[in-house]
């Protein structure tokens, strides 16, 4: 997968934000998502052995998945995730050390921001994508208002995203959405409940098709 896979992520429309209690649980969840065609997957560093999971997914699926690493809070994590095969790197907010490391990594940068001050700073330093977080606070209306003064900023909301409001997020100007617990409930991931994960993936992808029709 080439550097800056933003067009491919925009095409995919939904990024699955995976927080798993173990490496095995993470692999099972990824298998279920890919089976349903949901191929943009962010493995967060709250997952044990996240670097090894990313490497394993990259080896198994190769270019069939758009593989990212999330909740990056140290430079060491950034370096490990990139070496493991992540093509987009996500951090919950700006950090004096972590953000420059992400931007220098050769992967697509996705940094958390919510307020006009935060977004303006991220725009100025040239991040690829603003992770509009937490989206649950103001919902799509907040993103739409923010894009008034920042129409050129590429935004992907996370937090508070579900299949029912996915279309509203896209209409507000999001190029894609990040879906966490609504797509990957903690219990389903923990228990290896592939049926629930597959059903949720189908629900999200159908909502995406409807929104783009």
Protein backbone atom coordinates (compact mmCIF):
# COMPACT_ATOMS: atom_id res chain seq x y z
CA UNK A 1 0.00 0.00 0.00
CA UNK A 2 1.52 3.35 -1.00
CA UNK A 3 2.30 6.26 1.29
CA UNK A 4 -0.62 8.57 2.09
CA UNK A 5 -3.43 6.10 1.37
CA UNK A 6 -6.07 8.81 1.85
CA UNK A 7 -7.92 8.14 -1.42
CA UNK A 8 -8.16 4.46 -0.51
CA UNK A 9 -9.40 5.30 3.00
CA UNK A 10 -11.95 7.72 1.56
CA UNK A 11 -13.03 4.93 -0.77
CA UNK A 12 -13.31 2.47 2.11
CA UNK A 13 -15.45 4.98 4.02
CA UNK A 14 -15.24 3.26 7.40
CA UNK A 15 -12.16 2.69 9.55
CA UNK A 16 -12.65 -0.02 12.16
CA UNK A 17 -10.99 1.10 15.39
CA UNK A 18 -9.95 -2.14 17.08
CA UNK A 19 -9.30 -2.29 20.81
CA UNK A 20 -8.78 -5.91 21.81
CA UNK A 21 -7.91 -7.52 25.15
CA UNK A 22 -5.44 -9.93 23.53
CA UNK A 23 -3.62 -10.58 20.28
CA UNK A 24 -5.79 -13.64 19.57
CA UNK A 25 -8.97 -11.60 20.01
CA UNK A 26 -7.59 -8.96 17.66
CA UNK A 27 -6.83 -11.52 14.94
CA UNK A 28 -10.32 -13.01 15.20
CA UNK A 29 -11.93 -9.58 14.88
CA UNK A 30 -9.80 -8.67 11.86
CA UNK A 31 -10.74 -11.95 10.17
CA UNK A 32 -14.44 -11.20 10.64
CA UNK A 33 -14.13 -7.64 9.33
CA UNK A 34 -12.17 -8.64 6.24
CA UNK A 35 -14.63 -11.44 5.47
CA UNK A 36 -17.34 -8.78 5.13
CA UNK A 37 -15.17 -6.43 3.07
CA UNK A 38 -14.44 -3.87 5.77
CA UNK A 39 -10.74 -3.49 5.11
CA UNK A 40 -9.60 -0.22 6.72
CA UNK A 41 -8.52 -1.29 10.19
CA UNK A 42 -6.78 0.66 12.95
CA UNK A 43 -5.19 -1.49 15.64
CA UNK A 44 -4.89 0.64 18.75
CA UNK A 45 -1.93 0.51 21.09
CA UNK A 46 -4.26 -0.29 23.97
CA UNK A 47 -4.21 -3.80 22.47
CA UNK A 48 -1.55 -6.03 24.07
CA UNK A 49 1.36 -6.71 21.70
CA UNK A 50 -0.13 -4.25 19.21
CA UNK A 51 3.05 -4.11 17.15
CA UNK A 52 3.09 -7.87 16.73
CA UNK A 53 -0.61 -7.87 15.84
CA UNK A 54 -0.02 -5.24 13.15
CA UNK A 55 2.87 -7.26 11.75
CA UNK A 56 0.77 -10.42 11.76
CA UNK A 57 -2.16 -8.78 9.99
CA UNK A 58 0.17 -7.19 7.44
CA UNK A 59 1.78 -10.55 6.72
CA UNK A 60 -1.53 -12.37 6.42
CA UNK A 61 -3.50 -9.88 4.34
CA UNK A 62 -0.90 -7.70 2.64
CA UNK A 63 -2.43 -5.10 0.34
CA UNK A 64 -5.93 -6.48 0.93
CA UNK A 65 -6.19 -4.30 4.04
CA UNK A 66 -5.55 -0.64 4.81
CA UNK A 67 -3.74 -1.15 8.08
CA UNK A 68 -3.22 1.55 10.66
CA UNK A 69 -2.01 1.95 14.22
CA UNK A 70 -3.89 4.07 16.73
CA UNK A 71 -3.60 5.60 20.20
CA UNK A 72 0.08 6.26 19.56
CA UNK A 73 1.51 8.16 22.52
CA UNK A 74 5.26 7.52 22.27
CA UNK A 75 7.88 7.81 19.55
CA UNK A 76 8.83 4.16 20.15
CA UNK A 77 5.27 3.10 19.33
CA UNK A 78 5.33 5.15 16.13
CA UNK A 79 8.56 3.52 15.00
CA UNK A 80 7.38 0.03 15.91
CA UNK A 81 4.01 0.42 14.18
CA UNK A 82 5.55 1.75 10.99
CA UNK A 83 8.14 -1.03 10.90
CA UNK A 84 5.35 -3.57 11.45
CA UNK A 85 3.52 -2.41 8.33
CA UNK A 86 1.05 0.29 9.36
CA UNK A 87 0.35 2.70 6.49
CA UNK A 88 -1.54 5.25 8.57
CA UNK A 89 -0.66 6.37 12.08
CA UNK A 90 -3.16 7.86 14.51
CA UNK A 91 -2.59 9.83 17.70
CA UNK A 92 -5.37 11.17 19.97
CA UNK A 93 -3.90 14.68 19.98
CA UNK A 94 -0.90 16.85 19.20
CA UNK A 95 2.32 16.02 21.02
CA UNK A 96 5.66 17.82 20.65
CA UNK A 97 7.52 14.55 20.07
CA UNK A 98 4.96 12.04 18.79
CA UNK A 99 3.35 14.22 16.12
CA UNK A 100 6.62 15.10 14.35
CA UNK A 101 7.63 11.42 14.48
CA UNK A 102 4.38 10.42 12.81
CA UNK A 103 4.76 13.10 10.15
CA UNK A 104 8.34 12.01 9.42
CA UNK A 105 7.46 8.31 9.25
CA UNK A 106 6.31 8.15 5.64
CA UNK A 107 2.86 6.95 6.72
CA UNK A 108 -0.35 8.96 6.52
CA UNK A 109 -0.69 11.14 9.62
CA UNK A 110 -3.99 11.37 11.48
CA UNK A 111 -3.89 13.52 14.61
CA UNK A 112 -6.74 14.26 17.00
CA UNK A 113 -8.21 17.73 17.18
CA UNK A 114 -11.60 19.21 18.03
CA UNK A 115 -11.43 22.92 18.77
CA UNK A 116 -10.68 25.63 16.17
CA UNK A 117 -7.35 26.28 17.91
CA UNK A 118 -6.35 22.62 17.70
CA UNK A 119 -7.47 22.25 14.09
CA UNK A 120 -5.70 25.44 13.02
CA UNK A 121 -2.46 24.19 14.55
CA UNK A 122 -2.73 20.82 12.83
CA UNK A 123 -3.51 22.51 9.53
CA UNK A 124 -0.51 24.79 9.89
CA UNK A 125 1.96 21.96 10.47
CA UNK A 126 0.52 19.96 7.58
CA UNK A 127 -1.02 16.81 9.04
CA UNK A 128 -2.80 14.68 6.45
CA UNK A 129 -6.01 14.15 8.41
CA UNK A 130 -7.58 15.68 11.50
CA UNK A 131 -9.10 12.96 13.65
CA UNK A 132 -12.20 14.86 14.78
CA UNK A 133 -12.37 13.57 18.34
CA UNK A 134 -14.40 13.19 20.43
CA UNK A 135 -17.14 13.35 17.83
CA UNK A 136 -19.73 12.37 20.42
CA UNK A 137 -19.64 15.82 22.02
CA UNK A 138 -21.14 17.89 19.21
CA UNK A 139 -21.97 15.31 16.58
CA UNK A 140 -22.09 16.03 12.85
CA UNK A 141 -23.34 19.58 13.45
CA UNK A 142 -20.07 20.44 15.22
CA UNK A 143 -18.01 19.12 12.33
CA UNK A 144 -20.10 21.04 9.82
CA UNK A 145 -19.61 24.25 11.80
CA UNK A 146 -15.86 23.65 12.08
CA UNK A 147 -15.50 23.14 8.37
CA UNK A 148 -16.87 26.64 7.78
CA UNK A 149 -13.52 28.33 8.55
CA UNK A 150 -11.51 25.22 7.58
CA UNK A 151 -13.02 23.92 4.32
CA UNK A 152 -9.67 22.55 3.14
CA UNK A 153 -9.02 20.41 6.22
CA UNK A 154 -9.55 16.68 5.77
CA UNK A 155 -11.50 15.30 8.73
CA UNK A 156 -12.39 11.82 9.92
CA UNK A 157 -14.62 11.74 13.03
CA UNK A 158 -14.32 9.12 15.74
CA UNK A 159 -16.38 8.72 18.88
CA UNK A 160 -20.14 8.67 18.67
CA UNK A 161 -20.18 7.24 15.14
CA UNK A 162 -22.78 4.60 14.35
CA UNK A 163 -24.51 3.22 11.27
CA UNK A 164 -27.52 5.47 11.86
CA UNK A 165 -25.56 8.75 11.81
CA UNK A 166 -22.85 7.76 9.35
CA UNK A 167 -24.61 9.55 6.51
CA UNK A 168 -24.91 12.71 8.60
CA UNK A 169 -21.15 12.69 9.20
CA UNK A 170 -20.42 12.38 5.50
CA UNK A 171 -22.91 15.14 4.72
CA UNK A 172 -21.14 17.34 7.29
CA UNK A 173 -17.89 16.99 5.34
CA UNK A 174 -16.15 13.89 6.69
CA UNK A 175 -14.21 11.92 4.06
CA UNK A 176 -14.70 8.74 6.11
CA UNK A 177 -15.60 7.76 9.67
CA UNK A 178 -13.86 5.88 12.44
CA UNK A 179 -16.07 3.33 14.15
CA UNK A 180 -15.19 1.79 17.48
CA UNK A 181 -17.54 0.15 19.96
CA UNK A 182 -20.63 0.46 17.75
CA UNK A 183 -18.87 -1.73 15.19
CA UNK A 184 -16.66 -3.75 17.51
CA UNK A 185 -18.39 -4.14 20.90
CA UNK A 186 -15.92 -5.02 23.63
CA UNK A 187 -17.78 -8.22 24.55
CA UNK A 188 -17.92 -9.43 20.95
CA UNK A 189 -14.20 -8.82 20.47
CA UNK A 190 -13.35 -10.45 23.80
CA UNK A 191 -15.52 -13.51 23.18
CA UNK A 192 -14.58 -14.00 19.53
CA UNK A 193 -18.19 -13.40 18.49
CA UNK A 194 -17.53 -13.27 14.76
CA UNK A 195 -21.24 -13.39 13.92
CA UNK A 196 -21.93 -10.11 15.74
CA UNK A 197 -18.87 -8.42 14.25
CA UNK A 198 -19.78 -9.53 10.73
CA UNK A 199 -23.37 -8.37 11.17
CA UNK A 200 -22.21 -4.99 12.43
CA UNK A 201 -19.78 -4.67 9.52
CA UNK A 202 -22.58 -5.40 7.05
CA UNK A 203 -24.76 -2.81 8.77
CA UNK A 204 -22.08 -0.12 8.53
CA UNK A 205 -21.25 -0.91 4.92
CA UNK A 206 -24.92 -0.84 3.94
CA UNK A 207 -25.28 2.55 5.64
CA UNK A 208 -22.24 3.75 3.69
CA UNK A 209 -23.71 2.59 0.39
CA UNK A 210 -27.02 4.27 1.21
CA UNK A 211 -25.31 7.53 2.14
CA UNK A 212 -23.33 7.57 -1.09
CA UNK A 213 -26.17 6.53 -3.37
